[in-house]
Amino acid sequence: MNRAVLSLMLMLAADLAVAQPRPSTVNRPCSASRHDIIANGAIVLGTGGYTYDRFVRDRSFCELDEYADPAWVPSRDTASCFVGYRCKSGMYD
C-alpha cells in the first residue's frame, strides 16, 4: 500500500507545472533582450507591469497565415528598443 501511495505522489509531483518568471524588457538593456530573441528564435518577454508578448527572430517562427511585424519595446537604456518581430494574423499590407 505504501508503494502505491508513494508512486501516486511521485506521478502527481511530476505533473505539476512550476511557473517560470519571464524576463522583463524594462529591467534589461536593449541588447540583452535582442540577444535572447536571436539566440532562441522565439521568446515571451514581459513589457512592463502585467503585459507580455511573444517576439520572434524572423518570419519562420510565425504561422503560415501570419506575417512578422517589427516590434519596439521599452528597455532599461532606451525608451524604444527594436527587439525583433511579433507575429500578426492576416496578410501584410
C-alpha atoms as a PDB file:
ATOM      1  CA  MET A   1       0.000   0.000   0.000  1.00  0.00           C
ATOM      2  CA  ASN A   2       2.811   2.410   0.856  1.00  0.00           C
ATOM      3  CA  ARG A   3       4.440   1.837  -2.533  1.00  0.00           C
ATOM      4  CA  ALA A   4       1.186   2.610  -4.336  1.00  0.00           C
ATOM      5  CA  VAL A   5       0.731   5.869  -2.432  1.00  0.00           C
ATOM      6  CA  LEU A   6       4.361   6.831  -2.980  1.00  0.00           C
ATOM      7  CA  SER A   7       4.091   6.063  -6.700  1.00  0.00           C
ATOM      8  CA  LEU A   8       0.923   8.142  -6.987  1.00  0.00           C
ATOM      9  CA  MET A   9       2.537  11.066  -5.173  1.00  0.00           C
ATOM     10  CA  LEU A  10       5.582  10.959  -7.445  1.00  0.00           C
ATOM     11  CA  MET A  11       3.418  10.911 -10.577  1.00  0.00           C
ATOM     12  CA  LEU A  12       1.379  13.885  -9.343  1.00  0.00           C
ATOM     13  CA  ALA A  13       4.506  15.825  -8.438  1.00  0.00           C
ATOM     14  CA  ALA A  14       5.910  15.253 -11.933  1.00  0.00           C
ATOM     15  CA  ASP A  15       2.727  16.663 -13.488  1.00  0.00           C
ATOM     16  CA  LEU A  16       2.737  19.919 -11.552  1.00  0.00           C
ATOM     17  CA  ALA A  17       3.817  22.868 -13.647  1.00  0.00           C
ATOM     18  CA  VAL A  18       6.097  25.330 -11.978  1.00  0.00           C
ATOM     19  CA  ALA A  19       5.629  28.941 -13.077  1.00  0.00           C
ATOM     20  CA  GLN A  20       8.778  30.368 -14.560  1.00  0.00           C
ATOM     21  CA  PRO A  21       9.419  34.088 -14.380  1.00  0.00           C
ATOM     22  CA  ARG A  22       9.702  35.721 -17.784  1.00  0.00           C
ATOM     23  CA  PRO A  23      12.394  38.330 -18.444  1.00  0.00           C
ATOM     24  CA  SER A  24      11.126  41.907 -18.474  1.00  0.00           C
ATOM     25  CA  THR A  25      12.390  44.269 -21.165  1.00  0.00           C
ATOM     26  CA  VAL A  26      12.114  47.300 -18.869  1.00  0.00           C
ATOM     27  CA  ASN A  27      14.622  45.817 -16.393  1.00  0.00           C
ATOM     28  CA  ARG A  28      17.209  44.812 -19.005  1.00  0.00           C
ATOM     29  CA  PRO A  29      19.363  46.598 -21.559  1.00  0.00           C
ATOM     30  CA  CYS A  30      18.069  46.544 -25.119  1.00  0.00           C
ATOM     31  CA  SER A  31      20.948  44.362 -26.303  1.00  0.00           C
ATOM     32  CA  ALA A  32      20.133  41.606 -23.765  1.00  0.00           C
ATOM     33  CA  SER A  33      16.520  41.269 -24.939  1.00  0.00           C
ATOM     34  CA  ARG A  34      17.606  41.338 -28.590  1.00  0.00           C
ATOM     35  CA  HIS A  35      20.280  38.690 -27.927  1.00  0.00           C
ATOM     36  CA  ASP A  36      17.743  36.339 -26.282  1.00  0.00           C
ATOM     37  CA  ILE A  37      15.432  36.575 -29.284  1.00  0.00           C
ATOM     38  CA  ILE A  38      18.241  35.945 -31.765  1.00  0.00           C
ATOM     39  CA  ALA A  39      19.585  33.019 -29.733  1.00  0.00           C
ATOM     40  CA  ASN A  40      16.210  31.331 -29.120  1.00  0.00           C
ATOM     41  CA  GLY A  41      14.308  32.267 -32.269  1.00  0.00           C
ATOM     42  CA  ALA A  42      11.142  32.999 -30.291  1.00  0.00           C
ATOM     43  CA  ILE A  43      10.632  34.049 -26.679  1.00  0.00           C
ATOM     44  CA  VAL A  44       7.984  35.553 -24.424  1.00  0.00           C
ATOM     45  CA  LEU A  45       9.118  38.767 -22.757  1.00  0.00           C
ATOM     46  CA  GLY A  46       7.401  40.989 -20.236  1.00  0.00           C
ATOM     47  CA  THR A  47       6.994  44.557 -21.492  1.00  0.00           C
ATOM     48  CA  GLY A  48       6.042  46.313 -18.264  1.00  0.00           C
ATOM     49  CA  GLY A  49       3.567  45.631 -15.479  1.00  0.00           C
ATOM     50  CA  TYR A  50       1.452  42.600 -16.305  1.00  0.00           C
ATOM     51  CA  THR A  51       1.872  42.885 -20.090  1.00  0.00           C
ATOM     52  CA  TYR A  52       3.879  40.466 -22.195  1.00  0.00           C
ATOM     53  CA  ASP A  53       4.183  39.309 -25.787  1.00  0.00           C
ATOM     54  CA  ARG A  54       5.898  36.708 -27.930  1.00  0.00           C
ATOM     55  CA  PHE A  55       8.770  38.045 -30.006  1.00  0.00           C
ATOM     56  CA  VAL A  56      10.427  36.225 -32.895  1.00  0.00           C
ATOM     57  CA  ARG A  57      13.699  36.476 -34.795  1.00  0.00           C
ATOM     58  CA  ASP A  58      12.095  36.266 -38.238  1.00  0.00           C
ATOM     59  CA  ARG A  59       9.006  35.170 -40.198  1.00  0.00           C
ATOM     60  CA  SER A  60       9.971  31.483 -39.979  1.00  0.00           C
ATOM     61  CA  PHE A  61       8.729  31.428 -36.353  1.00  0.00           C
ATOM     62  CA  CYS A  62       5.226  32.592 -37.356  1.00  0.00           C
ATOM     63  CA  GLU A  63       2.286  30.501 -38.572  1.00  0.00           C
ATOM     64  CA  LEU A  64       1.590  30.249 -42.307  1.00  0.00           C
ATOM     65  CA  ASP A  65      -1.243  32.808 -42.150  1.00  0.00           C
ATOM     66  CA  GLU A  66       0.815  35.330 -40.135  1.00  0.00           C
ATOM     67  CA  TYR A  67       3.382  37.969 -41.006  1.00  0.00           C
ATOM     68  CA  ALA A  68       6.264  39.382 -38.972  1.00  0.00           C
ATOM     69  CA  ASP A  69       5.597  42.923 -37.753  1.00  0.00           C
ATOM     70  CA  PRO A  70       8.567  44.934 -36.379  1.00  0.00           C
ATOM     71  CA  ALA A  71       8.434  45.283 -32.582  1.00  0.00           C
ATOM     72  CA  TRP A  72       9.809  48.064 -30.395  1.00  0.00           C
ATOM     73  CA  VAL A  73       9.663  47.782 -26.605  1.00  0.00           C
ATOM     74  CA  PRO A  74      10.790  49.891 -23.651  1.00  0.00           C
ATOM     75  CA  SER A  75      14.101  48.830 -22.121  1.00  0.00           C
ATOM     76  CA  ARG A  76      16.351  49.942 -19.285  1.00  0.00           C
ATOM     77  CA  ASP A  77      18.613  52.001 -21.549  1.00  0.00           C
ATOM     78  CA  THR A  78      16.203  53.278 -24.225  1.00  0.00           C
ATOM     79  CA  ALA A  79      12.513  54.126 -24.497  1.00  0.00           C
ATOM     80  CA  SER A  80      12.121  52.404 -27.872  1.00  0.00           C
ATOM     81  CA  CYS A  81      14.227  49.303 -28.486  1.00  0.00           C
ATOM     82  CA  PHE A  82      13.899  47.200 -31.657  1.00  0.00           C
ATOM     83  CA  VAL A  83      13.975  43.604 -30.400  1.00  0.00           C
ATOM     84  CA  GLY A  84      12.663  41.677 -33.387  1.00  0.00           C
ATOM     85  CA  TYR A  85       9.179  40.936 -34.635  1.00  0.00           C
ATOM     86  CA  ARG A  86       5.685  39.997 -33.464  1.00  0.00           C
ATOM     87  CA  CYS A  87       3.601  37.539 -35.452  1.00  0.00           C
ATOM     88  CA  LYS A  88       0.370  39.164 -36.627  1.00  0.00           C
ATOM     89  CA  SER A  89      -2.614  37.465 -38.253  1.00  0.00           C
ATOM     90  CA  GLY A  90      -3.584  38.234 -41.818  1.00  0.00           C
ATOM     91  CA  MET A  91      -1.786  39.327 -44.939  1.00  0.00           C
ATOM     92  CA  TYR A  92       0.893  42.007 -44.748  1.00  0.00           C
ATOM     93  CA  ASP A  93      -0.262  45.239 -46.405  1.00  0.00           C
END
